[in-house]
Protein backbone atom coordinates (compact mmCIF):
# COMPACT_ATOMS: atom_id res chain seq x y z
CA UNK A 1 41.15 1.54 -10.84
CA UNK A 2 41.79 1.69 -7.09
CA UNK A 3 38.57 3.63 -6.61
CA UNK A 4 36.66 1.24 -8.85
CA UNK A 5 37.92 -1.70 -6.76
CA UNK A 6 36.80 0.11 -3.62
CA UNK A 7 33.37 0.77 -5.14
CA UNK A 8 33.17 -2.90 -6.12
CA UNK A 9 34.07 -3.96 -2.57
CA UNK A 10 31.48 -1.69 -0.99
CA UNK A 11 28.88 -2.65 -3.59
CA UNK A 12 29.56 -6.34 -2.95
CA UNK A 13 29.09 -5.94 0.80
CA UNK A 14 26.07 -3.73 0.21
CA UNK A 15 24.64 -6.35 -2.15
CA UNK A 16 24.86 -8.91 0.65
CA UNK A 17 23.13 -6.43 2.93
CA UNK A 18 20.36 -5.78 0.43
CA UNK A 19 19.83 -9.48 -0.29
CA UNK A 20 19.37 -10.17 3.42
CA UNK A 21 17.21 -7.03 3.56
CA UNK A 22 14.92 -8.38 0.85
CA UNK A 23 14.77 -11.71 2.68
CA UNK A 24 13.80 -9.76 5.80
CA UNK A 25 11.04 -7.89 3.95
CA UNK A 26 9.76 -11.06 2.29
CA UNK A 27 9.52 -12.78 5.67
CA UNK A 28 7.74 -9.76 7.17
CA UNK A 29 5.25 -9.72 4.29
CA UNK A 30 4.60 -13.45 4.63
CA UNK A 31 4.20 -13.45 8.40
CA UNK A 32 2.50 -10.10 9.01
CA UNK A 33 1.17 -8.86 5.66
CA UNK A 34 0.40 -5.15 5.24
CA UNK A 35 -2.13 -4.33 7.91
CA UNK A 36 -2.49 -2.64 11.27
CA UNK A 37 0.41 -4.30 13.10
CA UNK A 38 2.91 -3.84 10.26
CA UNK A 39 1.88 -0.20 9.89
CA UNK A 40 2.57 0.27 13.61
CA UNK A 41 6.03 -1.31 13.39
CA UNK A 42 7.04 0.63 10.27
CA UNK A 43 5.90 3.91 11.82
CA UNK A 44 7.75 3.15 15.06
CA UNK A 45 10.93 2.28 13.15
CA UNK A 46 10.61 5.28 10.86
CA UNK A 47 11.56 7.95 13.40
CA UNK A 48 14.92 6.41 14.45
CA UNK A 49 15.56 5.73 10.76
CA UNK A 50 14.90 9.38 9.89
CA UNK A 51 17.15 10.56 12.72
CA UNK A 52 19.80 8.06 11.61
CA UNK A 53 19.81 9.41 8.08
CA UNK A 54 19.68 13.00 9.26
CA UNK A 55 22.30 12.98 12.02
CA UNK A 56 24.32 9.77 11.69
CA UNK A 57 24.82 8.59 8.13
CA UNK A 58 23.88 11.98 6.72
CA UNK A 59 25.00 15.19 8.34
CA UNK A 60 27.39 13.71 10.87
CA UNK A 61 29.34 11.58 8.41
CA UNK A 62 29.63 14.43 5.93
CA UNK A 63 30.94 16.75 8.64
CA UNK A 64 33.20 14.34 10.50
CA UNK A 65 34.99 12.41 7.74
CA UNK A 66 36.69 15.39 5.98
CA UNK A 67 37.90 16.82 9.30
CA UNK A 68 39.06 13.43 10.53
CA UNK A 69 40.92 12.87 7.24
CA UNK A 70 42.60 16.26 7.64
CA UNK A 71 43.68 15.43 11.21
CA UNK A 72 45.11 12.13 10.08
CA UNK A 73 47.15 13.73 7.30
CA UNK A 74 48.35 16.81 9.15
CA UNK A 75 48.29 16.28 12.94
CA UNK A 76 49.47 12.75 13.68
CA UNK A 77 47.91 9.69 15.26
CA UNK A 78 47.64 11.01 18.83
CA UNK A 79 45.59 14.10 17.96
CA UNK A 80 43.53 12.09 15.50
CA UNK A 81 42.71 9.49 18.15
CA UNK A 82 41.85 12.24 20.62
CA UNK A 83 39.42 13.77 18.11
CA UNK A 84 37.62 10.43 17.81
CA UNK A 85 37.31 10.20 21.60
CA UNK A 86 35.95 13.73 22.00
CA UNK A 87 33.50 13.52 19.10
CA UNK A 88 32.37 10.07 20.22
CA UNK A 89 31.74 11.26 23.79
CA UNK A 90 29.69 14.26 22.62
CA UNK A 91 27.72 12.09 20.20
CA UNK A 92 27.00 9.46 22.86
CA UNK A 93 25.91 11.95 25.54
CA UNK A 94 23.70 13.91 23.12
CA UNK A 95 21.99 10.87 21.67
CA UNK A 96 21.57 9.20 25.05
CA UNK A 97 19.61 12.28 26.13
CA UNK A 98 17.62 12.21 22.89
CA UNK A 99 16.86 8.52 23.43
CA UNK A 100 15.54 9.17 26.94
CA UNK A 101 13.31 11.95 25.60
CA UNK A 102 12.07 9.71 22.79
CA UNK A 103 11.18 6.88 25.17
CA UNK A 104 9.35 9.20 27.57
CA UNK A 105 7.39 11.02 24.86
CA UNK A 106 6.55 7.98 22.71
CA UNK A 107 2.73 8.52 22.65
CA UNK A 108 3.13 12.12 21.47
CA UNK A 109 5.65 11.03 18.84
CA UNK A 110 3.01 8.71 17.35
CA UNK A 111 0.78 11.72 16.68
CA UNK A 112 3.72 13.62 15.20
CA UNK A 113 4.45 10.70 12.88
CA UNK A 114 1.04 9.28 12.07
CA UNK A 115 -1.88 11.07 13.67
CA UNK A 116 -4.26 9.03 11.50
CA UNK A 117 -3.55 6.01 13.72
CA UNK A 118 -5.94 7.50 16.29
CA UNK A 119 -8.83 6.38 14.05
CA UNK A 120 -8.03 2.72 14.82
CA UNK A 121 -8.41 1.59 18.47
CA UNK A 122 -5.15 0.34 19.98
CA UNK A 123 -2.94 1.39 17.07
CA UNK A 124 -1.44 4.44 18.81
CA UNK A 125 -0.66 2.40 21.95
CA UNK A 126 0.98 -0.41 19.96
CA UNK A 127 3.10 2.04 17.99
CA UNK A 128 4.16 3.86 21.18
CA UNK A 129 5.21 0.58 22.80
CA UNK A 130 7.44 -0.24 19.84
CA UNK A 131 8.89 3.29 19.69
CA UNK A 132 10.14 2.77 23.25
CA UNK A 133 11.89 -0.42 22.14
CA UNK A 134 13.45 0.79 18.88
CA UNK A 135 14.39 4.35 19.83
CA UNK A 136 17.79 3.41 21.37
CA UNK A 137 18.76 2.21 17.89
CA UNK A 138 19.60 5.81 16.96
CA UNK A 139 22.29 5.84 19.69
CA UNK A 140 23.84 2.57 18.56
CA UNK A 141 23.77 3.34 14.85
CA UNK A 142 25.20 6.84 15.30
CA UNK A 143 28.23 5.40 17.08
CA UNK A 144 28.42 2.83 14.28
CA UNK A 145 28.50 5.74 11.83
CA UNK A 146 31.39 7.32 13.75
CA UNK A 147 33.32 4.05 13.67
CA UNK A 148 32.49 3.54 9.99
CA UNK A 149 33.75 7.03 9.13
CA UNK A 150 37.09 6.26 10.81
CA UNK A 151 37.40 2.91 9.02
CA UNK A 152 36.51 4.43 5.63
CA UNK A 153 39.23 7.07 5.95
CA UNK A 154 41.68 4.22 6.56
CA UNK A 155 40.19 2.60 3.43
CA UNK A 156 38.71 -0.26 5.44
CA UNK A 157 35.43 -0.28 3.54
CA UNK A 158 34.28 -3.88 4.01
CA UNK A 159 33.31 -3.88 7.72
CA UNK A 160 31.18 -0.68 7.63
CA UNK A 161 29.49 -1.87 4.43
CA UNK A 162 28.58 -5.29 5.81
CA UNK A 163 27.29 -4.21 9.25
CA UNK A 164 23.68 -3.66 8.03
CA UNK A 165 23.55 -7.42 7.44
CA UNK A 166 23.54 -7.84 11.22
CA UNK A 167 20.37 -5.76 11.55
CA UNK A 168 18.65 -7.79 8.84
CA UNK A 169 19.70 -11.11 10.38
CA UNK A 170 18.57 -9.92 13.80
CA UNK A 171 15.10 -8.97 12.54
CA UNK A 172 14.82 -12.25 10.61
CA UNK A 173 15.79 -14.21 13.72
CA UNK A 174 13.30 -12.27 15.82
CA UNK A 175 10.49 -12.95 13.33
CA UNK A 176 11.27 -16.66 13.19
CA UNK A 177 12.05 -17.49 16.80
CA UNK A 178 10.94 -14.67 19.11
CA UNK A 179 7.54 -13.76 17.63
CA UNK A 180 5.65 -16.70 19.22
CA UNK A 181 6.66 -15.41 22.67
CA UNK A 182 5.22 -11.89 22.21
CA UNK A 183 1.67 -10.59 22.25
CA UNK A 184 1.19 -9.21 19.72
CA UNK A 185 3.95 -11.04 17.77
CA UNK A 186 4.93 -7.87 15.82
CA UNK A 187 6.77 -6.60 18.94
CA UNK A 188 9.45 -9.22 18.27
CA UNK A 189 10.53 -7.18 15.24
CA UNK A 190 11.09 -4.14 17.45
CA UNK A 191 13.36 -6.16 19.72
CA UNK A 192 15.13 -7.43 16.61
CA UNK A 193 15.97 -3.81 15.75
CA UNK A 194 17.33 -3.22 19.26
CA UNK A 195 19.50 -6.36 19.18
CA UNK A 196 20.68 -5.54 15.66
CA UNK A 197 21.85 -2.09 16.76
CA UNK A 198 23.91 -3.57 19.58
CA UNK A 199 25.43 -6.15 17.22
CA UNK A 200 26.36 -3.50 14.63
CA UNK A 201 28.22 -1.49 17.25
CA UNK A 202 29.97 -4.52 18.74
CA UNK A 203 31.40 -5.66 15.40
CA UNK A 204 33.19 -2.30 14.92
CA UNK A 205 35.27 -2.58 18.10
CA UNK A 206 37.95 -5.00 16.90
CA UNK A 207 38.74 -3.17 13.61
CA UNK A 208 39.04 0.13 15.50
CA UNK A 209 41.34 -1.47 18.05
CA UNK A 210 43.52 -2.89 15.27
CA UNK A 211 43.96 0.64 13.88
CA UNK A 212 44.62 2.01 17.40
CA UNK A 213 41.56 4.24 17.02
CA UNK A 214 39.55 2.84 19.91
CA UNK A 215 39.90 6.14 21.76
CA UNK A 216 39.02 6.83 25.38
CA UNK A 217 35.89 9.04 25.50
CA UNK A 218 36.43 12.59 26.72
CA UNK A 219 33.60 15.10 26.79
CA UNK A 220 34.90 18.48 25.58
CA UNK A 221 32.56 20.35 23.27
CA UNK A 222 34.89 23.35 23.28
CA UNK A 223 37.68 21.41 21.57
CA UNK A 224 38.46 23.12 18.21
CA UNK A 225 38.05 19.89 16.22
CA UNK A 226 34.71 19.11 17.85
CA UNK A 227 33.46 22.63 17.22
CA UNK A 228 34.50 22.37 13.57
CA UNK A 229 32.50 19.15 13.24
CA UNK A 230 29.45 20.82 14.85
CA UNK A 231 29.79 23.86 12.60
CA UNK A 232 30.04 21.67 9.50
CA UNK A 233 26.98 19.69 10.55
CA UNK A 234 24.73 22.75 10.33
CA UNK A 235 24.72 23.12 6.52
CA UNK A 236 24.78 19.32 6.16
CA UNK A 237 21.64 18.95 8.28
CA UNK A 238 19.87 21.46 6.05
CA UNK A 239 21.08 19.61 2.97
CA UNK A 240 19.77 16.20 3.98
CA UNK A 241 16.64 17.35 5.82
CA UNK A 242 14.46 17.71 2.72
CA UNK A 243 14.29 13.97 2.11
CA UNK A 244 13.57 13.27 5.78
CA UNK A 245 10.83 15.90 5.96
CA UNK A 246 9.36 14.27 2.86
CA UNK A 247 9.43 10.90 4.64
CA UNK A 248 7.54 12.38 7.59
CA UNK A 249 4.93 13.93 5.31
CA UNK A 250 4.53 10.64 3.43
CA UNK A 251 4.00 8.80 6.70
CA UNK A 252 1.39 11.28 7.90
CA UNK A 253 -0.51 11.15 4.61
CA UNK A 254 -0.37 7.37 4.40
CA UNK A 255 -1.55 6.99 8.00
CA UNK A 256 -4.57 9.21 7.33
CA UNK A 257 -5.67 6.97 4.44
CA UNK A 258 -6.18 3.82 6.50
CA UNK A 259 -4.52 0.54 7.40
CA UNK A 260 -1.88 -0.88 5.08
CA UNK A 261 -0.76 2.33 3.39
CA UNK A 262 2.44 2.78 5.36
CA UNK A 263 3.29 -0.88 4.79
CA UNK A 264 2.83 -0.56 1.03
CA UNK A 265 5.07 2.47 0.63
CA UNK A 266 7.68 0.85 2.89
CA UNK A 267 7.75 -2.39 0.89
CA UNK A 268 8.13 -0.35 -2.31
CA UNK A 269 10.84 1.80 -0.74
CA UNK A 270 12.86 -1.32 0.13
CA UNK A 271 12.90 -2.35 -3.54
CA UNK A 272 13.93 1.13 -4.63
CA UNK A 273 16.70 1.17 -2.01
CA UNK A 274 18.30 -1.91 -3.58
CA UNK A 275 19.83 -0.07 -6.59
CA UNK A 276 20.02 3.15 -4.59
CA UNK A 277 22.32 1.55 -2.03
CA UNK A 278 24.38 -0.47 -4.51
CA UNK A 279 25.13 2.63 -6.58
CA UNK A 280 24.50 5.79 -4.56
CA UNK A 281 25.63 4.69 -1.11
CA UNK A 282 28.64 2.76 -2.44
CA UNK A 283 29.84 5.65 -4.60
CA UNK A 284 29.19 8.22 -1.89
CA UNK A 285 31.05 6.15 0.72
CA UNK A 286 34.10 5.70 -1.49
CA UNK A 287 34.15 9.24 -2.87
CA UNK A 288 33.94 11.07 0.47
CA UNK A 289 37.42 10.18 1.84
CA UNK A 290 39.04 10.74 -1.58
CA UNK A 291 37.28 14.08 -2.09
CA UNK A 292 38.38 15.09 1.40
CA UNK A 293 41.98 14.18 0.54
CA UNK A 294 42.02 16.24 -2.69
CA UNK A 295 40.34 19.13 -0.88
CA UNK A 296 42.96 19.05 1.88
CA UNK A 297 45.70 18.91 -0.79
CA UNK A 298 44.12 21.92 -2.55
CA UNK A 299 43.95 19.97 -5.81
CA UNK A 300 40.78 21.22 -7.60
CA UNK A 301 41.60 19.39 -10.85
CA UNK A 302 41.63 15.93 -9.26
CA UNK A 303 38.68 16.89 -7.07
CA UNK A 304 36.53 17.83 -10.08
CA UNK A 305 37.69 14.83 -12.11
CA UNK A 306 36.77 12.46 -9.29
CA UNK A 307 33.31 13.96 -8.90
CA UNK A 308 32.77 13.85 -12.67
CA UNK A 309 33.73 10.17 -12.70
CA UNK A 310 31.13 9.41 -10.04
CA UNK A 311 28.35 11.27 -11.88
CA UNK A 312 29.13 9.53 -15.18
CA UNK A 313 29.09 6.12 -13.53
CA UNK A 314 25.76 6.93 -11.89
CA UNK A 315 24.13 7.80 -15.22
CA UNK A 316 25.56 4.66 -16.80
CA UNK A 317 24.08 2.35 -14.16
CA UNK A 318 21.12 4.14 -12.59
CA UNK A 319 19.02 4.78 -15.71
CA UNK A 320 18.76 1.06 -16.62
CA UNK A 321 17.95 0.26 -12.99
CA UNK A 322 15.10 2.81 -12.94
CA UNK A 323 13.65 1.39 -16.17
CA UNK A 324 13.88 -2.13 -14.77
CA UNK A 325 11.96 -1.16 -11.62
CA UNK A 326 9.23 0.42 -13.75
CA UNK A 327 8.87 -2.48 -16.20
CA UNK A 328 9.30 -5.35 -13.72
CA UNK A 329 7.39 -3.88 -10.77
CA UNK A 330 4.64 -6.49 -10.55
CA UNK A 331 6.88 -9.57 -11.12
CA UNK A 332 9.36 -8.30 -8.53
CA UNK A 333 6.74 -7.59 -5.89
CA UNK A 334 4.89 -10.85 -6.51
CA UNK A 335 8.05 -12.94 -6.38
CA UNK A 336 9.41 -11.35 -3.23
CA UNK A 337 6.30 -10.59 -1.19
CA UNK A 338 3.14 -12.40 -2.35
CA UNK A 339 3.09 -15.22 0.16
CA UNK A 340 1.15 -15.88 3.35
CA UNK A 341 -0.74 -12.74 4.40
CA UNK A 342 0.42 -10.56 1.49
CA UNK A 343 -2.49 -10.44 -0.99
CA UNK A 344 -2.97 -9.44 -4.63
CA UNK A 345 -4.42 -6.12 -3.43
CA UNK A 346 -1.18 -5.52 -1.53
CA UNK A 347 0.84 -6.33 -4.67
CA UNK A 348 -0.98 -3.77 -6.83
CA UNK A 349 -0.87 -1.05 -4.17
CA UNK A 350 2.86 -1.61 -3.62
CA UNK A 351 3.38 -1.48 -7.39
CA UNK A 352 1.79 1.97 -7.59
CA UNK A 353 4.20 3.24 -4.94
CA UNK A 354 7.21 1.61 -6.64
CA UNK A 355 6.39 3.25 -9.99
CA UNK A 356 6.53 6.63 -8.33
CA UNK A 357 9.78 5.86 -6.55
CA UNK A 358 11.47 4.58 -9.72
CA UNK A 359 11.04 7.98 -11.41
CA UNK A 360 13.20 9.60 -8.74
CA UNK A 361 15.89 6.90 -8.57
CA UNK A 362 18.48 8.70 -10.73
CA UNK A 363 18.02 11.96 -8.86
CA UNK A 364 18.38 10.19 -5.52
CA UNK A 365 21.63 8.50 -6.57
CA UNK A 366 23.06 11.74 -7.97
CA UNK A 367 22.18 13.43 -4.67
CA UNK A 368 24.03 10.74 -2.70
CA UNK A 369 27.09 11.26 -4.90
CA UNK A 370 27.09 15.05 -4.90
CA UNK A 371 26.30 15.35 -1.18
CA UNK A 372 29.91 14.65 -0.02
CA UNK A 373 31.17 17.43 -2.29
CA UNK A 374 28.77 19.93 -0.72
CA UNK A 375 30.50 19.59 2.65
CA UNK A 376 33.71 21.21 1.41
CA UNK A 377 33.95 24.98 1.33
CA UNK A 378 35.46 25.88 -2.00
């Protein structure tokens, strides 16, 4: 019952995030439609999103949380706080360097993401400009992931779950109030991403300070705890890379087919992510600290029972959600997106993408649940 309450809390906060996310997507569809400029923004935002899922919310969280939970249970508050400071310093230095590289190589990154943009004059340059603006988001959100991992181990699930709302609100605000001041207006969305990343990081500071986990950064990659986190990240990176490689391939293929394709698959993906986040992300977030605890206690019976509970709950809720996406695709897309510059052609193209995504919904949620278990050597 305690776990179910935690899942409900995370799901509730995630629901708020997804509602504001749908409002964000509806506003984007109304104001910008599904053409050249929206393709450029979605492609620019895709790379930091892929890196976020690969290194921050994906591999890093899976590697860090079990080790952090072990430190907290076995080594005391001082060593646990020191681990946070050392891991945070290494993460910040590494991603700051990656951010600088990303900003400097933005035009080449456009070709790596969407070489088909070269067919349309000005599209590569616009995408590169927005990559330079949004790329620092990977630094902010990775530190947010570190803070969220700490808070989740302390069973403070609400703050990490609600922080994505700040990104959505920031992008909405940028679209409403900043867009008239930019040429082209789509660049306001890129600045909304940047501001949202800063806001997400800022809101984590007070909860960490309350737990006395706002550690002083100390760069020491040779620290045993840091090296354990790095070693654990290797298999985790491999485990989560398939989905991100698939996203890159999808982007390349869509870009080669002409304007609007990346926008359509992105709008469909946002609808698919609604049940995916409510079920998969919420269950995965709650299960990871508990699985880490049972693993540290060497209690395979409770470990297996907990994982079985998560899988059963996923089947119970995900199958109806997948059917609903398939049956209600056109009404959902029309209700949420078909305003302003979003046309009937855009609705039908987005529907085709959503039908494909709905088939894989159950598998995606099961992957999000089973992924935390794969980080523990049995």
